[in-house]
């Protein structure tokens, strides 16, 4: 059977401050620049998830879009929209970079088992986007 891919986009707005407790204030400013602002800053994130699988012969789809949207609403949008990412448990000990956010979103969507998660793509700004396909854990190196 042929494998097909479905990509779906979701949006949320959130703030964060890039800051590492292991760095001095000077090192944080040098590494993260204006993104280390003590008051934080925000983004309108665009998350694209891509799932792959065989096309169901009855529905003609890789997976039920309604089920995927409900999963995303509950596990992504309701959790992250209009939050400060630094206040969430997943970033309590991890810098809330969009690289790390992409890994976390991938972890979340691995819980949607109706099709195989292939990739997570997050657009932070018109100039910055991030992709994660799984397989590598956070390195923690800077």
C-alpha atoms as a PDB file:
ATOM      1  CA  UNK A   1       0.000   0.000   0.000  1.00  0.00           C
ATOM      2  CA  UNK A   2       1.117   3.534  -0.747  1.00  0.00           C
ATOM      3  CA  UNK A   3       1.990   5.890   2.057  1.00  0.00           C
ATOM      4  CA  UNK A   4       0.456   9.355   2.028  1.00  0.00           C
ATOM      5  CA  UNK A   5       1.185  12.385   4.179  1.00  0.00           C
ATOM      6  CA  UNK A   6      -1.126  14.853   5.881  1.00  0.00           C
ATOM      7  CA  UNK A   7       0.101  18.186   7.203  1.00  0.00           C
ATOM      8  CA  UNK A   8      -2.083  20.323   9.439  1.00  0.00           C
ATOM      9  CA  UNK A   9      -1.436  23.803  10.868  1.00  0.00           C
ATOM     10  CA  UNK A  10      -2.350  25.168  14.280  1.00  0.00           C
ATOM     11  CA  UNK A  11      -1.782  28.605  15.800  1.00  0.00           C
ATOM     12  CA  UNK A  12      -1.171  29.922  19.281  1.00  0.00           C
ATOM     13  CA  UNK A  13       0.306  33.007  20.896  1.00  0.00           C
ATOM     14  CA  UNK A  14       2.682  32.735  23.822  1.00  0.00           C
ATOM     15  CA  UNK A  15       5.455  34.618  25.555  1.00  0.00           C
ATOM     16  CA  UNK A  16       8.786  33.452  26.884  1.00  0.00           C
ATOM     17  CA  UNK A  17      12.149  34.635  28.131  1.00  0.00           C
ATOM     18  CA  UNK A  18      15.304  32.906  26.967  1.00  0.00           C
ATOM     19  CA  UNK A  19      17.364  32.500  30.105  1.00  0.00           C
ATOM     20  CA  UNK A  20      19.562  29.802  31.597  1.00  0.00           C
ATOM     21  CA  UNK A  21      19.997  29.625  35.360  1.00  0.00           C
ATOM     22  CA  UNK A  22      23.423  28.071  34.782  1.00  0.00           C
ATOM     23  CA  UNK A  23      24.664  31.285  33.111  1.00  0.00           C
ATOM     24  CA  UNK A  24      25.556  34.596  34.716  1.00  0.00           C
ATOM     25  CA  UNK A  25      23.412  37.616  33.823  1.00  0.00           C
ATOM     26  CA  UNK A  26      26.163  38.814  31.465  1.00  0.00           C
ATOM     27  CA  UNK A  27      26.422  35.424  29.751  1.00  0.00           C
ATOM     28  CA  UNK A  28      22.598  35.246  29.374  1.00  0.00           C
ATOM     29  CA  UNK A  29      22.598  38.672  27.710  1.00  0.00           C
ATOM     30  CA  UNK A  30      25.509  37.669  25.449  1.00  0.00           C
ATOM     31  CA  UNK A  31      23.911  34.358  24.387  1.00  0.00           C
ATOM     32  CA  UNK A  32      20.249  35.361  24.126  1.00  0.00           C
ATOM     33  CA  UNK A  33      20.463  39.112  23.422  1.00  0.00           C
ATOM     34  CA  UNK A  34      17.137  40.938  23.420  1.00  0.00           C
ATOM     35  CA  UNK A  35      15.340  37.601  23.935  1.00  0.00           C
ATOM     36  CA  UNK A  36      16.704  37.644  27.505  1.00  0.00           C
ATOM     37  CA  UNK A  37      14.532  40.670  28.375  1.00  0.00           C
ATOM     38  CA  UNK A  38      13.423  40.100  32.000  1.00  0.00           C
ATOM     39  CA  UNK A  39       9.839  40.933  30.998  1.00  0.00           C
ATOM     40  CA  UNK A  40       9.842  38.380  28.184  1.00  0.00           C
ATOM     41  CA  UNK A  41       8.509  38.758  24.674  1.00  0.00           C
ATOM     42  CA  UNK A  42       5.865  37.009  22.604  1.00  0.00           C
ATOM     43  CA  UNK A  43       5.286  35.233  19.329  1.00  0.00           C
ATOM     44  CA  UNK A  44       2.373  34.138  17.208  1.00  0.00           C
ATOM     45  CA  UNK A  45       3.497  30.559  16.625  1.00  0.00           C
ATOM     46  CA  UNK A  46       2.407  28.486  13.646  1.00  0.00           C
ATOM     47  CA  UNK A  47       2.736  24.759  14.279  1.00  0.00           C
ATOM     48  CA  UNK A  48       2.577  22.316  11.395  1.00  0.00           C
ATOM     49  CA  UNK A  49       2.392  18.610  12.139  1.00  0.00           C
ATOM     50  CA  UNK A  50       2.888  16.017   9.411  1.00  0.00           C
ATOM     51  CA  UNK A  51       1.508  12.506   9.730  1.00  0.00           C
ATOM     52  CA  UNK A  52       2.040   9.605   7.373  1.00  0.00           C
ATOM     53  CA  UNK A  53       0.148   6.405   6.804  1.00  0.00           C
ATOM     54  CA  UNK A  54      -1.838   4.378   4.376  1.00  0.00           C
ATOM     55  CA  UNK A  55      -4.982   5.905   2.954  1.00  0.00           C
ATOM     56  CA  UNK A  56      -8.065   4.291   4.464  1.00  0.00           C
ATOM     57  CA  UNK A  57      -9.975   2.647   1.597  1.00  0.00           C
ATOM     58  CA  UNK A  58     -13.331   3.694   3.070  1.00  0.00           C
ATOM     59  CA  UNK A  59     -12.669   7.303   4.159  1.00  0.00           C
ATOM     60  CA  UNK A  60      -9.927   8.078   1.649  1.00  0.00           C
ATOM     61  CA  UNK A  61      -7.907   9.767   4.433  1.00  0.00           C
ATOM     62  CA  UNK A  62      -4.676   9.140   6.323  1.00  0.00           C
ATOM     63  CA  UNK A  63      -6.554   9.925   9.547  1.00  0.00           C
ATOM     64  CA  UNK A  64      -9.715  11.586  10.811  1.00  0.00           C
ATOM     65  CA  UNK A  65      -9.118  15.357  10.669  1.00  0.00           C
ATOM     66  CA  UNK A  66     -11.788  15.989  13.289  1.00  0.00           C
ATOM     67  CA  UNK A  67     -10.013  13.668  15.720  1.00  0.00           C
ATOM     68  CA  UNK A  68      -6.655  15.314  14.964  1.00  0.00           C
ATOM     69  CA  UNK A  69      -8.105  18.804  15.450  1.00  0.00           C
ATOM     70  CA  UNK A  70      -9.719  17.790  18.753  1.00  0.00           C
ATOM     71  CA  UNK A  71      -6.415  16.313  19.935  1.00  0.00           C
ATOM     72  CA  UNK A  72      -4.531  19.489  18.919  1.00  0.00           C
ATOM     73  CA  UNK A  73      -7.075  21.764  20.562  1.00  0.00           C
ATOM     74  CA  UNK A  74      -6.900  19.886  23.875  1.00  0.00           C
ATOM     75  CA  UNK A  75      -3.180  19.058  24.000  1.00  0.00           C
ATOM     76  CA  UNK A  76      -1.573  21.970  22.145  1.00  0.00           C
ATOM     77  CA  UNK A  77      -3.732  25.069  21.825  1.00  0.00           C
ATOM     78  CA  UNK A  78      -5.443  24.956  25.224  1.00  0.00           C
ATOM     79  CA  UNK A  79      -2.125  24.218  26.895  1.00  0.00           C
ATOM     80  CA  UNK A  80       0.072  26.843  25.192  1.00  0.00           C
ATOM     81  CA  UNK A  81      -2.164  29.651  23.888  1.00  0.00           C
ATOM     82  CA  UNK A  82      -1.769  32.917  25.804  1.00  0.00           C
ATOM     83  CA  UNK A  83       0.704  31.455  28.285  1.00  0.00           C
ATOM     84  CA  UNK A  84       4.195  32.286  29.405  1.00  0.00           C
ATOM     85  CA  UNK A  85       6.089  29.197  28.273  1.00  0.00           C
ATOM     86  CA  UNK A  86       8.589  29.594  31.123  1.00  0.00           C
ATOM     87  CA  UNK A  87       5.799  28.912  33.619  1.00  0.00           C
ATOM     88  CA  UNK A  88       4.976  25.489  32.152  1.00  0.00           C
ATOM     89  CA  UNK A  89       6.324  22.311  33.719  1.00  0.00           C
ATOM     90  CA  UNK A  90       8.014  21.232  30.475  1.00  0.00           C
ATOM     91  CA  UNK A  91      10.234  24.342  30.596  1.00  0.00           C
ATOM     92  CA  UNK A  92      10.861  24.467  34.317  1.00  0.00           C
ATOM     93  CA  UNK A  93      14.402  23.120  33.814  1.00  0.00           C
ATOM     94  CA  UNK A  94      14.742  23.632  30.048  1.00  0.00           C
ATOM     95  CA  UNK A  95      15.284  26.916  28.201  1.00  0.00           C
ATOM     96  CA  UNK A  96      12.100  27.777  26.306  1.00  0.00           C
ATOM     97  CA  UNK A  97      13.758  28.129  22.909  1.00  0.00           C
ATOM     98  CA  UNK A  98      11.655  27.270  19.909  1.00  0.00           C
ATOM     99  CA  UNK A  99      13.981  24.327  19.277  1.00  0.00           C
ATOM    100  CA  UNK A 100      12.924  22.920  22.653  1.00  0.00           C
ATOM    101  CA  UNK A 101       9.296  23.869  22.012  1.00  0.00           C
ATOM    102  CA  UNK A 102       9.436  21.907  18.746  1.00  0.00           C
ATOM    103  CA  UNK A 103      10.715  18.846  20.622  1.00  0.00           C
ATOM    104  CA  UNK A 104       7.929  19.205  23.211  1.00  0.00           C
ATOM    105  CA  UNK A 105       5.240  19.567  20.536  1.00  0.00           C
ATOM    106  CA  UNK A 106       6.617  16.448  18.837  1.00  0.00           C
ATOM    107  CA  UNK A 107       6.366  14.586  22.157  1.00  0.00           C
ATOM    108  CA  UNK A 108       2.754  15.712  22.503  1.00  0.00           C
ATOM    109  CA  UNK A 109       1.702  14.646  19.002  1.00  0.00           C
ATOM    110  CA  UNK A 110       3.342  11.252  19.398  1.00  0.00           C
ATOM    111  CA  UNK A 111       0.298  10.648  21.596  1.00  0.00           C
ATOM    112  CA  UNK A 112      -1.980  10.882  18.551  1.00  0.00           C
ATOM    113  CA  UNK A 113      -1.794   7.299  17.367  1.00  0.00           C
ATOM    114  CA  UNK A 114      -4.190   7.282  14.399  1.00  0.00           C
ATOM    115  CA  UNK A 115      -1.237   7.848  12.035  1.00  0.00           C
ATOM    116  CA  UNK A 116       2.553   8.005  12.301  1.00  0.00           C
ATOM    117  CA  UNK A 117       3.981  11.391  13.289  1.00  0.00           C
ATOM    118  CA  UNK A 118       6.634  12.288  10.726  1.00  0.00           C
ATOM    119  CA  UNK A 119       7.627  15.829  11.607  1.00  0.00           C
ATOM    120  CA  UNK A 120       6.819  18.961  13.568  1.00  0.00           C
ATOM    121  CA  UNK A 121       7.530  22.351  11.998  1.00  0.00           C
ATOM    122  CA  UNK A 122       7.140  25.573  14.008  1.00  0.00           C
ATOM    123  CA  UNK A 123       7.328  29.080  12.616  1.00  0.00           C
ATOM    124  CA  UNK A 124       8.313  31.523  15.332  1.00  0.00           C
ATOM    125  CA  UNK A 125       8.694  34.558  13.068  1.00  0.00           C
ATOM    126  CA  UNK A 126       8.728  35.158   9.333  1.00  0.00           C
ATOM    127  CA  UNK A 127      12.501  34.583   9.502  1.00  0.00           C
ATOM    128  CA  UNK A 128      12.753  31.711  12.024  1.00  0.00           C
ATOM    129  CA  UNK A 129      11.331  28.231  11.704  1.00  0.00           C
ATOM    130  CA  UNK A 130      12.268  24.953  13.361  1.00  0.00           C
ATOM    131  CA  UNK A 131      11.775  21.283  12.498  1.00  0.00           C
ATOM    132  CA  UNK A 132      11.989  18.112  14.547  1.00  0.00           C
ATOM    133  CA  UNK A 133      11.439  14.555  13.370  1.00  0.00           C
ATOM    134  CA  UNK A 134      12.330  12.728  16.571  1.00  0.00           C
ATOM    135  CA  UNK A 135      15.215  10.506  17.466  1.00  0.00           C
ATOM    136  CA  UNK A 136      17.508  12.956  19.203  1.00  0.00           C
ATOM    137  CA  UNK A 137      17.097  14.184  22.754  1.00  0.00           C
ATOM    138  CA  UNK A 138      17.959  17.671  23.947  1.00  0.00           C
ATOM    139  CA  UNK A 139      21.720  18.118  24.062  1.00  0.00           C
ATOM    140  CA  UNK A 140      21.777  20.931  26.594  1.00  0.00           C
ATOM    141  CA  UNK A 141      24.935  22.362  24.993  1.00  0.00           C
ATOM    142  CA  UNK A 142      25.583  25.989  24.184  1.00  0.00           C
END
